[in-house]
Amino acid sequence: MVELTRSFQDRYGRDIVLWFDESSLVCSAHFGDYLIGSLDFREVDDDDSLCLLLVWAHLEEIDGFKHCGIGTALIQMVADYGYRVFCRRNDGNTGREDGSHLTGDAPAFVEALNQKGLISYIN
């Protein structure tokens, strides 16, 4: 199992530890001994590069850590390790079996990351 870690300061100056487990394709954020949440991916086929589809995003395990840059830092970390990250478009479908539908804050989150070039849309 390969786990990659990175330290990160969120927009409020809190020290966050980011973990990316390449074997399970889960990227998680921790504040001290507490799990803030995680992003889950699955591999998608592409002949040219390592590609991951974001299938589950949950960064709300503890209050006060939303909208402070952690999700962006997690996606950036995955991209820095050579992965291309994809996400489904917000098409109103909230029941995809693999969990890759967008709900809550996710549509605005992935659109902002798409504008930054960190996530591409997949059909």
C-alpha atoms as a PDB file:
ATOM      1  CA  MET A   1       0.000   0.000   0.000  1.00  0.00           C
ATOM      2  CA  VAL A   2       1.385   3.384  -0.999  1.00  0.00           C
ATOM      3  CA  GLU A   3       0.289   6.330   1.096  1.00  0.00           C
ATOM      4  CA  LEU A   4       1.376   9.811   0.155  1.00  0.00           C
ATOM      5  CA  THR A   5       1.119  12.676   2.625  1.00  0.00           C
ATOM      6  CA  ARG A   6       1.323  16.423   2.471  1.00  0.00           C
ATOM      7  CA  SER A   7       0.899  19.208   5.004  1.00  0.00           C
ATOM      8  CA  PHE A   8      -1.378  22.082   4.156  1.00  0.00           C
ATOM      9  CA  GLN A   9      -2.594  25.242   5.885  1.00  0.00           C
ATOM     10  CA  ASP A  10      -6.223  26.046   5.206  1.00  0.00           C
ATOM     11  CA  ARG A  11      -7.501  29.580   4.697  1.00  0.00           C
ATOM     12  CA  TYR A  12      -7.791  29.987   8.498  1.00  0.00           C
ATOM     13  CA  GLY A  13      -4.172  28.964   9.122  1.00  0.00           C
ATOM     14  CA  ARG A  14      -5.010  25.531  10.554  1.00  0.00           C
ATOM     15  CA  ASP A  15      -2.503  22.753   9.904  1.00  0.00           C
ATOM     16  CA  ILE A  16      -4.160  20.008   7.891  1.00  0.00           C
ATOM     17  CA  VAL A  17      -2.568  16.703   6.873  1.00  0.00           C
ATOM     18  CA  LEU A  18      -3.605  15.299   3.519  1.00  0.00           C
ATOM     19  CA  TRP A  19      -3.299  11.565   2.781  1.00  0.00           C
ATOM     20  CA  PHE A  20      -3.600   9.840  -0.574  1.00  0.00           C
ATOM     21  CA  ASP A  21      -3.781   6.055  -0.481  1.00  0.00           C
ATOM     22  CA  GLU A  22      -3.012   4.924  -4.016  1.00  0.00           C
ATOM     23  CA  SER A  23      -4.159   1.369  -3.390  1.00  0.00           C
ATOM     24  CA  SER A  24      -7.695   2.321  -2.316  1.00  0.00           C
ATOM     25  CA  LEU A  25      -7.791   5.592  -4.317  1.00  0.00           C
ATOM     26  CA  VAL A  26      -8.984   7.528  -1.276  1.00  0.00           C
ATOM     27  CA  CYS A  27      -7.676  10.971  -0.426  1.00  0.00           C
ATOM     28  CA  SER A  28      -8.413  12.183   3.095  1.00  0.00           C
ATOM     29  CA  ALA A  29      -7.869  15.279   5.245  1.00  0.00           C
ATOM     30  CA  HIS A  30      -7.034  15.245   8.960  1.00  0.00           C
ATOM     31  CA  PHE A  31      -6.860  17.901  11.643  1.00  0.00           C
ATOM     32  CA  GLY A  32      -4.837  16.502  14.527  1.00  0.00           C
ATOM     33  CA  ASP A  33      -6.394  13.146  15.371  1.00  0.00           C
ATOM     34  CA  TYR A  34      -9.678  14.002  13.642  1.00  0.00           C
ATOM     35  CA  LEU A  35     -10.802  12.991  10.166  1.00  0.00           C
ATOM     36  CA  ILE A  36     -12.256  15.968   8.314  1.00  0.00           C
ATOM     37  CA  GLY A  37     -13.392  13.803   5.422  1.00  0.00           C
ATOM     38  CA  SER A  38     -12.334  12.205   2.188  1.00  0.00           C
ATOM     39  CA  LEU A  39     -12.597  12.063  -1.575  1.00  0.00           C
ATOM     40  CA  ASP A  40     -12.976   8.635  -3.196  1.00  0.00           C
ATOM     41  CA  PHE A  41     -11.970   7.892  -6.758  1.00  0.00           C
ATOM     42  CA  ARG A  42     -12.053   5.023  -9.214  1.00  0.00           C
ATOM     43  CA  GLU A  43      -9.801   4.481 -12.201  1.00  0.00           C
ATOM     44  CA  VAL A  44     -11.150   5.289 -15.634  1.00  0.00           C
ATOM     45  CA  ASP A  45      -9.684   4.108 -18.916  1.00  0.00           C
ATOM     46  CA  ASP A  46      -7.425   6.419 -20.849  1.00  0.00           C
ATOM     47  CA  ASP A  47      -4.596   5.272 -23.059  1.00  0.00           C
ATOM     48  CA  ASP A  48      -2.345   8.239 -22.369  1.00  0.00           C
ATOM     49  CA  SER A  49      -2.369   8.875 -18.624  1.00  0.00           C
ATOM     50  CA  LEU A  50      -3.478   7.890 -15.139  1.00  0.00           C
ATOM     51  CA  CYS A  51      -7.099   8.987 -14.824  1.00  0.00           C
ATOM     52  CA  LEU A  52      -9.403   9.031 -11.827  1.00  0.00           C
ATOM     53  CA  LEU A  53     -13.126   9.698 -11.592  1.00  0.00           C
ATOM     54  CA  LEU A  54     -14.313  11.447  -8.439  1.00  0.00           C
ATOM     55  CA  VAL A  55     -17.100   9.218  -7.143  1.00  0.00           C
ATOM     56  CA  TRP A  56     -17.647  10.415  -3.590  1.00  0.00           C
ATOM     57  CA  ALA A  57     -16.805  13.618  -1.740  1.00  0.00           C
ATOM     58  CA  HIS A  58     -17.482  14.104   1.923  1.00  0.00           C
ATOM     59  CA  LEU A  59     -15.532  16.761   3.826  1.00  0.00           C
ATOM     60  CA  GLU A  60     -17.986  17.378   6.654  1.00  0.00           C
ATOM     61  CA  GLU A  61     -17.030  14.934   9.380  1.00  0.00           C
ATOM     62  CA  ILE A  62     -16.356  17.824  11.771  1.00  0.00           C
ATOM     63  CA  ASP A  63     -17.910  21.277  11.714  1.00  0.00           C
ATOM     64  CA  GLY A  64     -16.047  24.364  10.548  1.00  0.00           C
ATOM     65  CA  PHE A  65     -13.918  22.884   7.753  1.00  0.00           C
ATOM     66  CA  LYS A  66     -16.048  23.543   4.671  1.00  0.00           C
ATOM     67  CA  HIS A  67     -15.158  26.261   2.169  1.00  0.00           C
ATOM     68  CA  CYS A  68     -11.599  26.700   3.424  1.00  0.00           C
ATOM     69  CA  GLY A  69      -9.556  25.191   0.583  1.00  0.00           C
ATOM     70  CA  ILE A  70      -9.211  21.601   1.769  1.00  0.00           C
ATOM     71  CA  GLY A  71     -11.076  19.964  -1.121  1.00  0.00           C
ATOM     72  CA  THR A  72      -9.068  21.939  -3.648  1.00  0.00           C
ATOM     73  CA  ALA A  73      -5.834  20.960  -1.883  1.00  0.00           C
ATOM     74  CA  LEU A  74      -6.833  17.276  -2.023  1.00  0.00           C
ATOM     75  CA  ILE A  75      -7.543  17.441  -5.758  1.00  0.00           C
ATOM     76  CA  GLN A  76      -4.312  19.387  -6.328  1.00  0.00           C
ATOM     77  CA  MET A  77      -2.359  16.722  -4.423  1.00  0.00           C
ATOM     78  CA  VAL A  78      -3.795  13.935  -6.593  1.00  0.00           C
ATOM     79  CA  ALA A  79      -2.988  15.944  -9.734  1.00  0.00           C
ATOM     80  CA  ASP A  80       0.552  16.627  -8.484  1.00  0.00           C
ATOM     81  CA  TYR A  81       1.129  12.881  -8.252  1.00  0.00           C
ATOM     82  CA  GLY A  82       0.407  12.539 -11.962  1.00  0.00           C
ATOM     83  CA  TYR A  83      -3.289  11.737 -12.085  1.00  0.00           C
ATOM     84  CA  ARG A  84      -5.841  13.437 -14.307  1.00  0.00           C
ATOM     85  CA  VAL A  85      -9.039  13.940 -12.333  1.00  0.00           C
ATOM     86  CA  PHE A  86     -12.489  13.750 -13.899  1.00  0.00           C
ATOM     87  CA  CYS A  87     -15.998  14.356 -12.619  1.00  0.00           C
ATOM     88  CA  ARG A  88     -19.476  13.953 -14.025  1.00  0.00           C
ATOM     89  CA  ARG A  89     -21.360  17.063 -15.101  1.00  0.00           C
ATOM     90  CA  ASN A  90     -24.187  18.246 -12.895  1.00  0.00           C
ATOM     91  CA  ASP A  91     -27.034  16.817 -14.950  1.00  0.00           C
ATOM     92  CA  GLY A  92     -29.575  16.528 -12.145  1.00  0.00           C
ATOM     93  CA  ASN A  93     -29.077  12.779 -11.742  1.00  0.00           C
ATOM     94  CA  THR A  94     -28.707  12.104  -8.005  1.00  0.00           C
ATOM     95  CA  GLY A  95     -28.796   8.330  -8.091  1.00  0.00           C
ATOM     96  CA  ARG A  96     -25.777   7.011  -9.967  1.00  0.00           C
ATOM     97  CA  GLU A  97     -24.860   3.605  -8.635  1.00  0.00           C
ATOM     98  CA  ASP A  98     -21.139   4.452  -8.415  1.00  0.00           C
ATOM     99  CA  GLY A  99     -21.825   7.636  -6.402  1.00  0.00           C
ATOM    100  CA  SER A 100     -20.428   9.970  -9.051  1.00  0.00           C
ATOM    101  CA  HIS A 101     -23.523  12.203  -9.084  1.00  0.00           C
ATOM    102  CA  LEU A 102     -23.229  15.715  -7.663  1.00  0.00           C
ATOM    103  CA  THR A 103     -25.214  16.892  -4.644  1.00  0.00           C
ATOM    104  CA  GLY A 104     -25.033  19.683  -2.085  1.00  0.00           C
ATOM    105  CA  ASP A 105     -22.008  21.946  -2.599  1.00  0.00           C
ATOM    106  CA  ALA A 106     -20.415  19.587  -5.140  1.00  0.00           C
ATOM    107  CA  PRO A 107     -21.670  21.241  -8.369  1.00  0.00           C
ATOM    108  CA  ALA A 108     -20.133  24.619  -7.468  1.00  0.00           C
ATOM    109  CA  PHE A 109     -16.986  22.929  -6.101  1.00  0.00           C
ATOM    110  CA  VAL A 110     -16.266  20.935  -9.260  1.00  0.00           C
ATOM    111  CA  GLU A 111     -17.136  23.856 -11.545  1.00  0.00           C
ATOM    112  CA  ALA A 112     -14.589  26.035  -9.710  1.00  0.00           C
ATOM    113  CA  LEU A 113     -11.990  23.264 -10.038  1.00  0.00           C
ATOM    114  CA  ASN A 114     -12.836  22.857 -13.714  1.00  0.00           C
ATOM    115  CA  GLN A 115     -12.262  26.592 -14.220  1.00  0.00           C
ATOM    116  CA  LYS A 116      -8.832  26.191 -12.533  1.00  0.00           C
ATOM    117  CA  GLY A 117      -7.999  23.238 -14.782  1.00  0.00           C
ATOM    118  CA  LEU A 118      -7.866  20.737 -11.891  1.00  0.00           C
ATOM    119  CA  ILE A 119     -10.902  18.664 -12.936  1.00  0.00           C
ATOM    120  CA  SER A 120     -12.217  17.796 -16.384  1.00  0.00           C
ATOM    121  CA  TYR A 121     -15.743  16.641 -17.121  1.00  0.00           C
ATOM    122  CA  ILE A 122     -16.479  13.144 -18.359  1.00  0.00           C
ATOM    123  CA  ASN A 123     -19.688  11.825 -19.917  1.00  0.00           C
END
